[in-house]
Amino acid sequence: MNTACHYAIVRFLPFVETGEFANVGVAIFAPDARYFGFKLLTNRHARVTNFFEQLDAKVFRVAMRTFRDELTRIDYAFKPLGTDRRLKALDRPGTMTLWTEVIKPRETIIRFGEPRVVIARDPAQKLAELFDYYVERNFVTHEYQEQALERGLRGWLKAARLDQRFLPDTIGNDEYHARFPFVEKEDDRPVKVIKPLNLGYPDAAKIIDHGGQWIVRVNALKKRNLLPRDALFAVDGPADMTTPRGRARVEVVRELEDTGVTVVPFQDKQRVIEFARG
């Protein structure tokens, strides 16, 4: 049976002055299911500590450990109020008062976000789903990341008043074609294309595979004289040559350059704008 689940996201906010925070956990309370639970980020904290680069990672680890202990004590406080299902009933007013007290705003390094409610069949499963979404960000697929690069580049073009010159379009003919997010045309003929390329995969083989798809596409268009005279790939991904991922990225970049297209790091905004404007 579906039940209402009250939940709040745990946020790590080390610098009150900036208001920046990272989602590091979720707590949930389902009165009708007599369930209280929480899930916190554990060992995989590099994303958080790298974001707050001035912060000693030890501060984060200690804060999370202390907060976990606090939530464990709160779990024990819920049990005699009825989350212990060996008891006959739930003290609904008592548990709701406790929940409200737990998530109320505090000026601390770790705090809860605003209270929310979701309907779910299984509160424990919903807790895992909420954690995967808000903390692990499982919606951020590699396709999503590439679309995010496109949104960022479109913003650059708009700021430079070049966005109306570049629109999404398919390049090629019935025999072979490929879609590019930024295409400039003259007399209805494509003359310039820009393609942001995400090579931020966790596995070197995936980097080579994804980059290879675009190398094949570029060569196929070029072979048929369908590739515009100016083409630029703005590449994002690991650059450390000491790692397999970094070497895979360099390999893809070199092979793209061998096709004759211009390749720049995605972060090099100025070169992208200069290419678009030229």
Protein backbone atom coordinates (compact mmCIF):
# COMPACT_ATOMS: atom_id res chain seq x y z
CA MET A 1 0.00 0.00 0.00
CA ASN A 2 1.26 3.47 -0.86
CA THR A 3 2.24 5.62 2.10
CA ALA A 4 3.37 9.19 2.64
CA CYS A 5 7.10 9.49 3.25
CA HIS A 6 8.50 12.66 4.79
CA TYR A 7 12.11 13.21 3.79
CA ALA A 8 14.88 15.80 3.84
CA ILE A 9 18.21 15.99 2.05
CA VAL A 10 21.36 16.22 4.14
CA ARG A 11 23.60 19.08 2.99
CA PHE A 12 27.26 19.78 3.66
CA LEU A 13 27.79 23.54 3.87
CA PRO A 14 31.30 24.32 5.15
CA PHE A 15 31.40 28.00 4.13
CA VAL A 16 28.30 29.85 5.29
CA GLU A 17 29.61 33.01 3.60
CA THR A 18 29.12 31.60 0.09
CA GLY A 19 26.01 29.48 0.70
CA GLU A 20 27.47 26.66 -1.43
CA PHE A 21 26.54 23.15 -0.40
CA ALA A 22 26.78 19.53 -1.50
CA ASN A 23 24.10 16.87 -1.00
CA VAL A 24 25.59 14.15 1.18
CA GLY A 25 22.64 12.12 2.41
CA VAL A 26 18.90 11.63 2.88
CA ALA A 27 16.70 10.93 5.91
CA ILE A 28 13.14 9.66 5.64
CA PHE A 29 10.20 9.10 7.99
CA ALA A 30 7.02 7.24 7.00
CA PRO A 31 4.52 7.34 9.90
CA ASP A 32 2.02 4.85 8.48
CA ALA A 33 4.82 2.37 7.75
CA ARG A 34 6.39 3.10 11.15
CA TYR A 35 9.73 3.59 9.46
CA PHE A 36 12.65 5.93 10.01
CA GLY A 37 15.82 5.57 8.01
CA PHE A 38 18.79 7.48 6.66
CA LYS A 39 21.61 7.02 4.20
CA LEU A 40 24.79 9.08 4.11
CA LEU A 41 27.74 9.40 1.77
CA THR A 42 30.54 7.19 3.08
CA ASN A 43 33.87 6.50 1.38
CA ARG A 44 33.29 8.10 -2.03
CA HIS A 45 33.68 11.69 -0.92
CA ALA A 46 36.29 13.01 -3.39
CA ARG A 47 33.58 14.82 -5.38
CA VAL A 48 32.66 16.83 -2.28
CA THR A 49 36.16 17.52 -0.97
CA ASN A 50 37.43 18.43 -4.44
CA PHE A 51 34.59 20.92 -4.83
CA PHE A 52 35.51 22.62 -1.54
CA GLU A 53 39.19 22.59 -2.43
CA GLN A 54 40.30 24.92 0.39
CA LEU A 55 38.81 22.55 2.96
CA ASP A 56 40.83 19.85 4.71
CA ALA A 57 39.24 16.51 3.78
CA LYS A 58 39.59 15.46 7.42
CA VAL A 59 37.03 18.11 8.40
CA PHE A 60 34.47 16.48 6.09
CA ARG A 61 35.17 12.95 7.34
CA VAL A 62 34.89 13.94 11.00
CA ALA A 63 31.72 15.95 10.41
CA MET A 64 30.07 13.06 8.56
CA ARG A 65 31.05 10.57 11.24
CA THR A 66 29.62 12.81 13.96
CA PHE A 67 26.41 13.35 12.00
CA ARG A 68 26.02 9.60 11.42
CA ASP A 69 26.30 9.03 15.16
CA GLU A 70 23.66 11.71 15.75
CA LEU A 71 21.22 10.11 13.29
CA THR A 72 21.83 6.71 14.86
CA ARG A 73 20.83 8.15 18.25
CA ILE A 74 17.74 9.67 16.63
CA ASP A 75 16.87 6.26 15.20
CA TYR A 76 16.96 4.86 18.74
CA ALA A 77 14.76 7.76 19.91
CA PHE A 78 12.13 6.84 17.30
CA LYS A 79 11.94 3.19 18.32
CA PRO A 80 10.14 3.57 21.70
CA LEU A 81 7.69 5.92 19.94
CA GLY A 82 6.59 3.14 17.64
CA THR A 83 9.06 2.56 14.79
CA ASP A 84 9.96 -0.58 16.71
CA ARG A 85 7.22 -2.74 15.22
CA ARG A 86 7.16 -4.98 18.28
CA LEU A 87 5.18 -2.17 19.89
CA LYS A 88 1.43 -2.14 19.33
CA ALA A 89 1.10 1.33 17.87
CA LEU A 90 2.90 4.46 16.74
CA ASP A 91 2.86 7.60 18.83
CA ARG A 92 2.08 9.77 15.81
CA PRO A 93 2.17 13.18 17.57
CA GLY A 94 5.38 12.23 19.33
CA THR A 95 7.14 10.97 16.21
CA MET A 96 6.05 13.95 14.11
CA THR A 97 7.32 16.31 16.80
CA LEU A 98 10.64 14.44 16.84
CA TRP A 99 10.89 14.49 13.03
CA THR A 100 10.20 18.23 12.93
CA GLU A 101 12.84 18.81 15.58
CA VAL A 102 15.39 16.68 13.74
CA ILE A 103 15.14 18.53 10.42
CA LYS A 104 14.63 22.08 11.69
CA PRO A 105 17.09 24.67 10.28
CA ARG A 106 20.41 24.91 12.11
CA GLU A 107 23.54 26.98 11.56
CA THR A 108 25.80 23.95 11.40
CA ILE A 109 28.28 22.59 8.86
CA ILE A 110 25.90 19.70 8.10
CA ARG A 111 22.20 20.47 8.03
CA PHE A 112 18.93 19.37 6.47
CA GLY A 113 17.31 21.00 3.47
CA GLU A 114 13.62 21.86 3.33
CA PRO A 115 11.14 19.10 4.29
CA ARG A 116 9.51 17.23 1.42
CA VAL A 117 6.91 14.50 1.00
CA VAL A 118 6.75 11.66 -1.51
CA ILE A 119 4.32 8.75 -1.90
CA ALA A 120 5.91 5.29 -1.99
CA ARG A 121 5.12 1.62 -1.47
CA ASP A 122 8.39 0.78 0.26
CA PRO A 123 10.01 3.57 2.32
CA ALA A 124 13.37 1.76 2.50
CA GLN A 125 13.46 1.37 -1.27
CA LYS A 126 12.40 4.99 -1.72
CA LEU A 127 15.23 6.07 0.58
CA ALA A 128 17.71 4.26 -1.68
CA GLU A 129 16.16 5.84 -4.79
CA LEU A 130 16.28 9.34 -3.30
CA PHE A 131 19.91 8.84 -2.30
CA ASP A 132 20.84 7.63 -5.78
CA TYR A 133 19.14 10.66 -7.31
CA TYR A 134 20.13 13.51 -5.01
CA VAL A 135 23.54 12.30 -3.82
CA GLU A 136 24.83 9.86 -6.42
CA ARG A 137 23.07 11.82 -9.21
CA ASN A 138 22.24 8.68 -11.19
CA PHE A 139 20.31 10.80 -13.71
CA VAL A 140 23.62 12.25 -14.93
CA THR A 141 24.25 9.89 -17.82
CA HIS A 142 27.03 10.56 -20.28
CA GLU A 143 24.39 11.71 -22.75
CA TYR A 144 23.18 14.16 -20.12
CA GLN A 145 26.75 15.41 -19.59
CA GLU A 146 27.20 16.00 -23.31
CA GLN A 147 23.92 17.92 -23.40
CA ALA A 148 25.20 19.99 -20.46
CA LEU A 149 28.30 20.86 -22.50
CA GLU A 150 26.04 21.93 -25.36
CA ARG A 151 24.00 24.16 -23.04
CA GLY A 152 27.19 25.74 -21.74
CA LEU A 153 28.54 26.39 -25.23
CA ARG A 154 25.20 27.78 -26.37
CA GLY A 155 25.41 30.23 -23.47
CA TRP A 156 28.84 31.37 -24.66
CA LEU A 157 27.53 31.94 -28.17
CA LYS A 158 24.54 33.84 -26.86
CA ALA A 159 26.74 36.10 -24.74
CA ALA A 160 28.86 36.77 -27.84
CA ARG A 161 25.71 37.39 -29.91
CA LEU A 162 26.54 34.49 -32.18
CA ASP A 163 23.77 32.09 -31.17
CA GLN A 164 21.51 32.96 -34.11
CA ARG A 165 24.25 31.96 -36.53
CA PHE A 166 24.52 28.43 -35.10
CA LEU A 167 21.56 26.07 -34.96
CA PRO A 168 21.20 22.28 -34.60
CA ASP A 169 21.11 20.53 -37.96
CA THR A 170 21.90 17.28 -39.77
CA ILE A 171 24.88 17.30 -42.12
CA GLY A 172 25.08 14.91 -45.07
CA ASN A 173 22.78 13.21 -47.57
CA ASP A 174 20.62 10.11 -47.85
CA GLU A 175 23.71 7.90 -48.01
CA TYR A 176 25.36 9.23 -44.88
CA HIS A 177 24.57 11.97 -42.38
CA ALA A 178 25.29 13.05 -38.82
CA ARG A 179 23.62 15.58 -36.54
CA PHE A 180 25.60 18.47 -35.05
CA PRO A 181 24.32 20.79 -32.31
CA PHE A 182 25.89 23.92 -33.82
CA VAL A 183 25.78 24.47 -37.57
CA GLU A 184 26.29 27.72 -39.48
CA LYS A 185 24.89 27.94 -43.00
CA GLU A 186 25.41 30.20 -46.00
CA ASP A 187 22.83 30.00 -48.78
CA ASP A 188 21.38 26.93 -47.03
CA ARG A 189 24.74 25.18 -47.21
CA PRO A 190 26.61 24.21 -44.01
CA VAL A 191 29.94 26.03 -43.79
CA LYS A 192 30.89 25.65 -40.13
CA VAL A 193 30.09 23.15 -37.35
CA ILE A 194 30.93 22.95 -33.66
CA LYS A 195 30.61 19.79 -31.61
CA PRO A 196 31.18 19.59 -27.82
CA LEU A 197 32.49 16.09 -27.08
CA ASN A 198 32.31 14.51 -23.63
CA LEU A 199 35.15 12.07 -22.99
CA GLY A 200 34.70 12.02 -19.22
CA TYR A 201 33.92 8.30 -19.05
CA PRO A 202 35.25 6.34 -16.05
CA ASP A 203 36.68 3.65 -18.33
CA ALA A 204 39.37 4.21 -20.99
CA ALA A 205 37.69 1.81 -23.41
CA LYS A 206 34.47 3.86 -23.26
CA ILE A 207 36.45 7.01 -24.04
CA ILE A 208 37.98 5.37 -27.10
CA ASP A 209 34.62 3.94 -28.21
CA HIS A 210 32.72 7.22 -27.92
CA GLY A 211 35.49 9.25 -29.51
CA GLY A 212 35.83 6.62 -32.22
CA GLN A 213 32.18 7.05 -33.19
CA TRP A 214 32.82 10.68 -34.05
CA ILE A 215 36.08 9.92 -35.83
CA VAL A 216 34.16 7.48 -38.06
CA ARG A 217 31.41 10.05 -38.67
CA VAL A 218 33.86 12.80 -39.57
CA ASN A 219 35.78 10.54 -41.94
CA ALA A 220 32.57 9.30 -43.56
CA LEU A 221 31.38 12.87 -44.18
CA LYS A 222 34.80 13.96 -45.40
CA LYS A 223 35.06 11.01 -47.81
CA ARG A 224 31.79 12.12 -49.44
CA ASN A 225 32.76 15.81 -49.49
CA LEU A 226 29.95 16.55 -47.04
CA LEU A 227 31.99 17.90 -44.13
CA PRO A 228 31.88 21.72 -43.88
CA ARG A 229 35.16 23.51 -44.50
CA ASP A 230 35.40 24.53 -40.82
CA ALA A 231 34.72 22.03 -38.07
CA LEU A 232 35.65 22.29 -34.41
CA PHE A 233 35.43 19.74 -31.59
CA ALA A 234 35.51 21.14 -28.04
CA VAL A 235 36.63 18.13 -25.99
CA ASP A 236 36.05 17.62 -22.28
CA GLY A 237 37.62 14.80 -20.31
CA PRO A 238 40.67 13.61 -18.36
CA ALA A 239 43.97 15.17 -19.37
CA ASP A 240 46.42 13.32 -17.10
CA MET A 241 48.69 11.31 -19.39
CA THR A 242 49.78 9.08 -16.50
CA THR A 243 46.36 7.37 -16.42
CA PRO A 244 44.73 5.04 -18.99
CA ARG A 245 41.79 7.47 -19.23
CA GLY A 246 44.06 10.40 -19.95
CA ARG A 247 45.99 8.47 -22.60
CA ALA A 248 42.69 7.38 -24.19
CA ARG A 249 41.56 11.01 -24.41
CA VAL A 250 44.84 12.05 -26.03
CA GLU A 251 44.51 9.20 -28.53
CA VAL A 252 41.01 10.35 -29.52
CA VAL A 253 42.15 13.97 -29.84
CA ARG A 254 45.07 13.02 -32.09
CA GLU A 255 42.90 10.88 -34.35
CA LEU A 256 40.31 13.65 -34.61
CA GLU A 257 43.06 16.10 -35.54
CA ASP A 258 44.26 13.64 -38.20
CA THR A 259 40.88 13.99 -39.92
CA GLY A 260 41.56 17.71 -40.39
CA VAL A 261 39.10 19.14 -37.85
CA THR A 262 40.12 21.67 -35.20
CA VAL A 263 40.23 20.24 -31.67
CA VAL A 264 40.39 22.41 -28.53
CA PRO A 265 39.77 21.75 -24.82
CA PHE A 266 36.18 22.52 -23.93
CA GLN A 267 37.40 24.86 -21.20
CA ASP A 268 39.09 27.10 -23.80
CA LYS A 269 36.08 29.37 -24.22
CA GLN A 270 38.04 32.09 -26.01
CA ARG A 271 39.21 29.81 -28.82
CA VAL A 272 35.70 28.44 -29.30
CA ILE A 273 34.28 31.97 -29.60
CA GLU A 274 37.09 33.04 -31.94
CA PHE A 275 36.38 30.03 -34.16
CA ALA A 276 32.65 30.80 -34.19
CA ARG A 277 33.21 34.47 -34.93
CA GLY A 278 35.90 33.98 -37.60
